[in-house]
Amino acid sequence: MAKKLAAECFGTFALVFAGTGAIVIDEVTGGGVSHVGIALTFGLIVLAMVYTLGDISGAHINPAVTIGFWAARRFDADKVLPYIASQCAGAFLASATLRLLFPVNITLGATIPAGPLLQSFILELILTALLMFVILGVSTGAREKGITAGIVVGSVIGLEALFAGPICGASMNPARSLAPAVVSLHLQTLWVYLLAPTIGALVGVLACRCVREPGCC
């Protein structure tokens, strides 16, 4: 269990450090990374972590995914909170590192709605539902593991970040939004990115039950 928790911590650190780091560096360089580059960074780091950690912890690296696996009866309830705590620890470590590297950056890649809160809430809910639906389809039990899992999950995250990122940030991950918001003290709209992805993951489980064989989810 200790190795699984360490894997979730390291994996979430990598996700937040690379993903939000791309946002910060894009701001510092005046668009040197670009929106497309940011979306690809998120997708590629998830792809890499799935292949690296999938056979250790399942490579959830996302509290909403862990909750979704639990709701799908693929993950033990007593492991949910330790997984989430490890994921949040990795995310906070990444944001703290970015604060040390870029002390004058204002948001540290925090997800902030570009329009109405309800718009971003619904977008985040739908994006996470689609992500969870895909993850359940390519995972074995509570593990994102296999030849295609990393490619599929990474591609979905990159795709959703490409088209929805400019509006809602395309977080789909409470830990990814929590850490930069707290470290940069941008807490006003944080609730959107904690609540919507969690509900979205549960909706994704319900969608999976509608199309897959009984007992799958």
C-alpha atoms as a PDB file:
ATOM      1  CA  MET A   1       0.000   0.000   0.000  1.00  0.00           C
ATOM      2  CA  ALA A   2       2.839   2.396   0.785  1.00  0.00           C
ATOM      3  CA  LYS A   3       4.247   1.941  -2.720  1.00  0.00           C
ATOM      4  CA  LYS A   4       0.817   2.592  -4.234  1.00  0.00           C
ATOM      5  CA  LEU A   5       0.411   5.802  -2.251  1.00  0.00           C
ATOM      6  CA  ALA A   6       3.915   6.920  -3.191  1.00  0.00           C
ATOM      7  CA  ALA A   7       3.126   6.207  -6.844  1.00  0.00           C
ATOM      8  CA  GLU A   8      -0.044   8.319  -6.668  1.00  0.00           C
ATOM      9  CA  CYS A   9       1.889  11.140  -5.007  1.00  0.00           C
ATOM     10  CA  PHE A  10       4.700  11.066  -7.596  1.00  0.00           C
ATOM     11  CA  GLY A  11       2.271  10.710 -10.489  1.00  0.00           C
ATOM     12  CA  THR A  12       0.122  13.645  -9.415  1.00  0.00           C
ATOM     13  CA  PHE A  13       3.244  15.718  -8.791  1.00  0.00           C
ATOM     14  CA  ALA A  14       4.348  15.034 -12.370  1.00  0.00           C
ATOM     15  CA  LEU A  15       0.909  15.912 -13.734  1.00  0.00           C
ATOM     16  CA  VAL A  16       0.602  19.210 -11.883  1.00  0.00           C
ATOM     17  CA  PHE A  17       4.251  20.183 -12.311  1.00  0.00           C
ATOM     18  CA  ALA A  18       4.254  19.577 -16.063  1.00  0.00           C
ATOM     19  CA  GLY A  19       0.695  20.713 -16.800  1.00  0.00           C
ATOM     20  CA  THR A  20       0.441  23.852 -14.716  1.00  0.00           C
ATOM     21  CA  GLY A  21       4.139  24.440 -15.326  1.00  0.00           C
ATOM     22  CA  ALA A  22       3.367  24.665 -19.045  1.00  0.00           C
ATOM     23  CA  ILE A  23       0.738  27.314 -18.272  1.00  0.00           C
ATOM     24  CA  VAL A  24       3.159  29.308 -16.117  1.00  0.00           C
ATOM     25  CA  ILE A  25       5.967  29.115 -18.668  1.00  0.00           C
ATOM     26  CA  ASP A  26       3.565  30.113 -21.443  1.00  0.00           C
ATOM     27  CA  GLU A  27       2.710  33.248 -19.443  1.00  0.00           C
ATOM     28  CA  VAL A  28       6.351  33.998 -18.628  1.00  0.00           C
ATOM     29  CA  THR A  29       7.454  33.650 -22.246  1.00  0.00           C
ATOM     30  CA  GLY A  30       4.492  35.492 -23.724  1.00  0.00           C
ATOM     31  CA  GLY A  31       2.942  32.503 -25.478  1.00  0.00           C
ATOM     32  CA  GLY A  32       6.045  30.403 -26.015  1.00  0.00           C
ATOM     33  CA  VAL A  33       4.208  27.172 -25.204  1.00  0.00           C
ATOM     34  CA  SER A  34       0.805  28.066 -26.729  1.00  0.00           C
ATOM     35  CA  HIS A  35      -2.639  26.708 -25.904  1.00  0.00           C
ATOM     36  CA  VAL A  36      -2.053  23.660 -28.096  1.00  0.00           C
ATOM     37  CA  GLY A  37       1.241  23.003 -26.336  1.00  0.00           C
ATOM     38  CA  ILE A  38      -0.422  23.191 -22.921  1.00  0.00           C
ATOM     39  CA  ALA A  39      -3.128  20.739 -23.958  1.00  0.00           C
ATOM     40  CA  LEU A  40      -0.534  18.345 -25.368  1.00  0.00           C
ATOM     41  CA  THR A  41       1.529  18.623 -22.193  1.00  0.00           C
ATOM     42  CA  PHE A  42      -1.403  17.530 -20.040  1.00  0.00           C
ATOM     43  CA  GLY A  43      -2.235  14.652 -22.360  1.00  0.00           C
ATOM     44  CA  LEU A  44       1.348  13.455 -22.720  1.00  0.00           C
ATOM     45  CA  ILE A  45       2.186  13.556 -19.009  1.00  0.00           C
ATOM     46  CA  VAL A  46      -0.911  11.509 -18.226  1.00  0.00           C
ATOM     47  CA  LEU A  47       0.025   9.054 -20.966  1.00  0.00           C
ATOM     48  CA  ALA A  48       3.518   8.714 -19.483  1.00  0.00           C
ATOM     49  CA  MET A  49       2.242   8.233 -15.924  1.00  0.00           C
ATOM     50  CA  VAL A  50      -0.288   5.586 -16.967  1.00  0.00           C
ATOM     51  CA  TYR A  51       2.468   3.536 -18.578  1.00  0.00           C
ATOM     52  CA  THR A  52       4.853   4.156 -15.681  1.00  0.00           C
ATOM     53  CA  LEU A  53       2.527   3.666 -12.708  1.00  0.00           C
ATOM     54  CA  GLY A  54      -0.443   1.724 -14.063  1.00  0.00           C
ATOM     55  CA  ASP A  55       0.799  -1.612 -12.759  1.00  0.00           C
ATOM     56  CA  ILE A  56       1.654  -0.145  -9.328  1.00  0.00           C
ATOM     57  CA  SER A  57      -1.261   2.025  -8.199  1.00  0.00           C
ATOM     58  CA  GLY A  58      -3.504   2.075 -11.241  1.00  0.00           C
ATOM     59  CA  ALA A  59      -2.313   5.597 -12.098  1.00  0.00           C
ATOM     60  CA  HIS A  60      -5.476   7.337 -10.938  1.00  0.00           C
ATOM     61  CA  ILE A  61      -3.581  10.610 -10.187  1.00  0.00           C
ATOM     62  CA  ASN A  62      -7.008  12.234  -9.825  1.00  0.00           C
ATOM     63  CA  PRO A  63      -9.368  12.166  -6.808  1.00  0.00           C
ATOM     64  CA  ALA A  64     -12.415  12.190  -9.100  1.00  0.00           C
ATOM     65  CA  VAL A  65     -11.153   9.053 -10.866  1.00  0.00           C
ATOM     66  CA  THR A  66     -10.514   7.323  -7.548  1.00  0.00           C
ATOM     67  CA  ILE A  67     -14.058   8.171  -6.416  1.00  0.00           C
ATOM     68  CA  GLY A  68     -15.377   6.975  -9.765  1.00  0.00           C
ATOM     69  CA  PHE A  69     -13.618   3.623  -9.446  1.00  0.00           C
ATOM     70  CA  TRP A  70     -15.082   3.276  -5.945  1.00  0.00           C
ATOM     71  CA  ALA A  71     -18.595   4.105  -7.206  1.00  0.00           C
ATOM     72  CA  ALA A  72     -18.108   1.499  -9.941  1.00  0.00           C
ATOM     73  CA  ARG A  73     -17.296  -1.061  -7.229  1.00  0.00           C
ATOM     74  CA  ARG A  74     -13.811  -1.559  -8.593  1.00  0.00           C
ATOM     75  CA  PHE A  75     -11.984   0.048  -5.670  1.00  0.00           C
ATOM     76  CA  ASP A  76     -12.094  -0.607  -1.920  1.00  0.00           C
ATOM     77  CA  ALA A  77     -13.665   2.141   0.182  1.00  0.00           C
ATOM     78  CA  ASP A  78     -10.884   2.073   2.779  1.00  0.00           C
ATOM     79  CA  LYS A  79      -8.333   3.048   0.122  1.00  0.00           C
ATOM     80  CA  VAL A  80     -10.190   6.081  -1.223  1.00  0.00           C
ATOM     81  CA  LEU A  81      -9.098   8.660   1.362  1.00  0.00           C
ATOM     82  CA  PRO A  82      -5.421   7.532   1.447  1.00  0.00           C
ATOM     83  CA  TYR A  83      -5.299   7.740  -2.359  1.00  0.00           C
ATOM     84  CA  ILE A  84      -6.860  11.215  -2.382  1.00  0.00           C
ATOM     85  CA  ALA A  85      -4.511  12.417   0.363  1.00  0.00           C
ATOM     86  CA  SER A  86      -1.495  11.178  -1.598  1.00  0.00           C
ATOM     87  CA  GLN A  87      -2.728  12.797  -4.799  1.00  0.00           C
ATOM     88  CA  CYS A  88      -3.285  16.133  -3.055  1.00  0.00           C
ATOM     89  CA  ALA A  89       0.146  15.922  -1.409  1.00  0.00           C
ATOM     90  CA  GLY A  90       1.796  15.455  -4.796  1.00  0.00           C
ATOM     91  CA  ALA A  91      -0.193  18.331  -6.273  1.00  0.00           C
ATOM     92  CA  PHE A  92       0.738  20.698  -3.440  1.00  0.00           C
ATOM     93  CA  LEU A  93       4.386  19.724  -3.717  1.00  0.00           C
ATOM     94  CA  ALA A  94       4.294  20.552  -7.434  1.00  0.00           C
ATOM     95  CA  SER A  95       2.626  23.925  -6.917  1.00  0.00           C
ATOM     96  CA  ALA A  96       5.040  24.798  -4.110  1.00  0.00           C
ATOM     97  CA  THR A  97       7.956  23.956  -6.404  1.00  0.00           C
ATOM     98  CA  LEU A  98       6.541  26.158  -9.157  1.00  0.00           C
ATOM     99  CA  ARG A  99       6.097  28.992  -6.645  1.00  0.00           C
ATOM    100  CA  LEU A 100       9.797  28.731  -5.786  1.00  0.00           C
ATOM    101  CA  LEU A 101      10.784  28.676  -9.461  1.00  0.00           C
ATOM    102  CA  PHE A 102       8.413  31.457 -10.560  1.00  0.00           C
ATOM    103  CA  PRO A 103       7.793  33.618  -7.480  1.00  0.00           C
ATOM    104  CA  VAL A 104       6.167  36.507  -9.374  1.00  0.00           C
ATOM    105  CA  ASN A 105       3.600  34.429 -11.259  1.00  0.00           C
ATOM    106  CA  ILE A 106       0.117  35.317 -10.064  1.00  0.00           C
ATOM    107  CA  THR A 107      -2.025  32.195 -10.583  1.00  0.00           C
ATOM    108  CA  LEU A 108       0.456  29.279 -10.919  1.00  0.00           C
ATOM    109  CA  GLY A 109      -1.822  27.739 -13.518  1.00  0.00           C
ATOM    110  CA  ALA A 110      -4.948  27.791 -11.345  1.00  0.00           C
ATOM    111  CA  THR A 111      -8.189  27.037 -13.175  1.00  0.00           C
ATOM    112  CA  ILE A 112     -10.306  30.198 -13.371  1.00  0.00           C
ATOM    113  CA  PRO A 113     -13.542  30.402 -15.414  1.00  0.00           C
ATOM    114  CA  ALA A 114     -13.395  32.706 -18.413  1.00  0.00           C
ATOM    115  CA  GLY A 115     -17.183  33.114 -18.420  1.00  0.00           C
ATOM    116  CA  PRO A 116     -20.160  32.426 -16.132  1.00  0.00           C
ATOM    117  CA  LEU A 117     -19.567  29.997 -13.270  1.00  0.00           C
ATOM    118  CA  LEU A 118     -22.475  27.799 -14.340  1.00  0.00           C
ATOM    119  CA  GLN A 119     -20.976  27.483 -17.807  1.00  0.00           C
ATOM    120  CA  SER A 120     -17.654  26.245 -16.408  1.00  0.00           C
ATOM    121  CA  PHE A 121     -19.418  23.994 -13.887  1.00  0.00           C
ATOM    122  CA  ILE A 122     -21.397  22.220 -16.596  1.00  0.00           C
ATOM    123  CA  LEU A 123     -18.366  21.969 -18.866  1.00  0.00           C
ATOM    124  CA  GLU A 124     -16.222  20.449 -16.107  1.00  0.00           C
ATOM    125  CA  LEU A 125     -18.984  18.004 -15.212  1.00  0.00           C
ATOM    126  CA  ILE A 126     -19.405  16.813 -18.791  1.00  0.00           C
ATOM    127  CA  LEU A 127     -15.664  16.672 -19.487  1.00  0.00           C
ATOM    128  CA  THR A 128     -15.036  14.560 -16.391  1.00  0.00           C
ATOM    129  CA  ALA A 129     -18.005  12.302 -17.160  1.00  0.00           C
ATOM    130  CA  LEU A 130     -16.563  11.610 -20.612  1.00  0.00           C
ATOM    131  CA  LEU A 131     -13.110  11.019 -19.135  1.00  0.00           C
ATOM    132  CA  MET A 132     -14.411   8.591 -16.509  1.00  0.00           C
ATOM    133  CA  PHE A 133     -16.518   6.788 -19.112  1.00  0.00           C
ATOM    134  CA  VAL A 134     -13.429   6.258 -21.266  1.00  0.00           C
ATOM    135  CA  ILE A 135     -11.231   5.225 -18.321  1.00  0.00           C
ATOM    136  CA  LEU A 136     -13.711   2.566 -17.213  1.00  0.00           C
ATOM    137  CA  GLY A 137     -13.737   1.213 -20.750  1.00  0.00           C
ATOM    138  CA  VAL A 138      -9.964   0.779 -21.030  1.00  0.00           C
ATOM    139  CA  SER A 139      -9.093  -0.146 -17.453  1.00  0.00           C
ATOM    140  CA  THR A 140      -8.835  -3.510 -15.757  1.00  0.00           C
ATOM    141  CA  GLY A 141     -10.497  -3.328 -12.351  1.00  0.00           C
ATOM    142  CA  ALA A 142      -9.266  -0.068 -10.837  1.00  0.00           C
ATOM    143  CA  ARG A 143      -6.105  -0.001 -12.951  1.00  0.00           C
ATOM    144  CA  GLU A 144      -5.467   2.069 -16.032  1.00  0.00           C
ATOM    145  CA  LYS A 145      -3.262  -0.597 -17.548  1.00  0.00           C
ATOM    146  CA  GLY A 146      -2.566  -2.076 -20.935  1.00  0.00           C
ATOM    147  CA  ILE A 147      -1.144  -1.289 -24.334  1.00  0.00           C
ATOM    148  CA  THR A 148      -3.861   1.187 -25.298  1.00  0.00           C
ATOM    149  CA  ALA A 149      -4.922   2.651 -21.918  1.00  0.00           C
ATOM    150  CA  GLY A 150      -2.263   5.340 -21.757  1.00  0.00           C
ATOM    151  CA  ILE A 151      -2.813   6.436 -25.349  1.00  0.00           C
ATOM    152  CA  VAL A 152      -6.600   6.573 -24.998  1.00  0.00           C
ATOM    153  CA  VAL A 153      -6.709   8.366 -21.640  1.00  0.00           C
ATOM    154  CA  GLY A 154      -3.952  10.799 -22.562  1.00  0.00           C
ATOM    155  CA  SER A 155      -5.643  11.543 -25.881  1.00  0.00           C
ATOM    156  CA  VAL A 156      -9.005  12.262 -24.243  1.00  0.00           C
ATOM    157  CA  ILE A 157      -7.420  14.646 -21.745  1.00  0.00           C
ATOM    158  CA  GLY A 158      -5.490  16.425 -24.493  1.00  0.00           C
ATOM    159  CA  LEU A 159      -8.589  16.623 -26.673  1.00  0.00           C
ATOM    160  CA  GLU A 160     -10.778  18.048 -23.926  1.00  0.00           C
ATOM    161  CA  ALA A 161      -8.094  20.538 -22.921  1.00  0.00           C
ATOM    162  CA  LEU A 162      -7.792  21.653 -26.550  1.00  0.00           C
ATOM    163  CA  PHE A 163     -11.395  22.685 -27.004  1.00  0.00           C
ATOM    164  CA  ALA A 164     -12.577  23.520 -23.473  1.00  0.00           C
ATOM    165  CA  GLY A 165      -9.408  24.800 -21.834  1.00  0.00           C
ATOM    166  CA  PRO A 166      -9.863  28.457 -22.895  1.00  0.00           C
ATOM    167  CA  ILE A 167     -13.284  28.578 -21.202  1.00  0.00           C
ATOM    168  CA  CYS A 168     -13.115  26.483 -18.024  1.00  0.00           C
ATOM    169  CA  GLY A 169      -9.502  25.344 -17.835  1.00  0.00           C
ATOM    170  CA  ALA A 170     -10.463  21.701 -18.473  1.00  0.00           C
ATOM    171  CA  SER A 171      -9.257  20.577 -15.067  1.00  0.00           C
ATOM    172  CA  MET A 172     -11.291  17.360 -14.624  1.00  0.00           C
ATOM    173  CA  ASN A 173      -9.160  16.852 -11.513  1.00  0.00           C
ATOM    174  CA  PRO A 174      -9.844  18.344  -8.048  1.00  0.00           C
ATOM    175  CA  ALA A 175      -6.210  17.933  -6.935  1.00  0.00           C
ATOM    176  CA  ARG A 176      -4.895  19.675 -10.053  1.00  0.00           C
ATOM    177  CA  SER A 177      -7.121  22.693  -9.292  1.00  0.00           C
ATOM    178  CA  LEU A 178      -6.853  22.659  -5.493  1.00  0.00           C
ATOM    179  CA  ALA A 179      -3.083  22.991  -5.173  1.00  0.00           C
ATOM    180  CA  PRO A 180      -2.403  26.000  -7.442  1.00  0.00           C
ATOM    181  CA  ALA A 181      -5.522  27.767  -6.157  1.00  0.00           C
ATOM    182  CA  VAL A 182      -4.452  27.434  -2.520  1.00  0.00           C
ATOM    183  CA  VAL A 183      -0.767  28.223  -3.115  1.00  0.00           C
ATOM    184  CA  SER A 184      -1.620  31.274  -5.252  1.00  0.00           C
ATOM    185  CA  LEU A 185      -4.586  32.248  -3.018  1.00  0.00           C
ATOM    186  CA  HIS A 186      -7.140  32.223  -5.847  1.00  0.00           C
ATOM    187  CA  LEU A 187      -9.952  30.493  -3.980  1.00  0.00           C
ATOM    188  CA  GLN A 188     -13.054  32.332  -5.177  1.00  0.00           C
ATOM    189  CA  THR A 189     -14.137  29.784  -7.804  1.00  0.00           C
ATOM    190  CA  LEU A 190     -12.341  26.729  -6.460  1.00  0.00           C
ATOM    191  CA  TRP A 191     -15.607  25.062  -5.483  1.00  0.00           C
ATOM    192  CA  VAL A 192     -16.469  24.651  -9.168  1.00  0.00           C
ATOM    193  CA  TYR A 193     -13.373  22.520  -9.748  1.00  0.00           C
ATOM    194  CA  LEU A 194     -13.848  20.428  -6.621  1.00  0.00           C
ATOM    195  CA  LEU A 195     -17.548  19.686  -7.038  1.00  0.00           C
ATOM    196  CA  ALA A 196     -18.110  19.451 -10.805  1.00  0.00           C
ATOM    197  CA  PRO A 197     -15.409  16.830 -11.563  1.00  0.00           C
ATOM    198  CA  THR A 198     -16.567  14.691  -8.631  1.00  0.00           C
ATOM    199  CA  ILE A 199     -20.158  14.715  -9.835  1.00  0.00           C
ATOM    200  CA  GLY A 200     -18.977  14.203 -13.403  1.00  0.00           C
ATOM    201  CA  ALA A 201     -17.047  11.068 -12.463  1.00  0.00           C
ATOM    202  CA  LEU A 202     -20.205   9.610 -10.910  1.00  0.00           C
ATOM    203  CA  VAL A 203     -22.165  10.467 -14.055  1.00  0.00           C
ATOM    204  CA  GLY A 204     -19.487   8.688 -16.080  1.00  0.00           C
ATOM    205  CA  VAL A 205     -20.002   5.563 -13.981  1.00  0.00           C
ATOM    206  CA  LEU A 206     -23.758   5.700 -14.630  1.00  0.00           C
ATOM    207  CA  ALA A 207     -23.117   6.060 -18.365  1.00  0.00           C
ATOM    208  CA  CYS A 208     -20.830   3.026 -18.261  1.00  0.00           C
ATOM    209  CA  ARG A 209     -23.562   0.979 -16.589  1.00  0.00           C
ATOM    210  CA  CYS A 210     -25.924   1.870 -19.421  1.00  0.00           C
ATOM    211  CA  VAL A 211     -23.750   0.380 -22.150  1.00  0.00           C
ATOM    212  CA  ARG A 212     -21.668  -2.378 -20.548  1.00  0.00           C
ATOM    213  CA  GLU A 213     -22.461  -5.810 -19.245  1.00  0.00           C
ATOM    214  CA  PRO A 214     -24.013  -6.214 -15.758  1.00  0.00           C
ATOM    215  CA  GLY A 215     -21.429  -6.163 -12.983  1.00  0.00           C
ATOM    216  CA  CYS A 216     -18.879  -4.118 -14.947  1.00  0.00           C
ATOM    217  CA  CYS A 217     -19.611  -0.907 -13.045  1.00  0.00           C
END
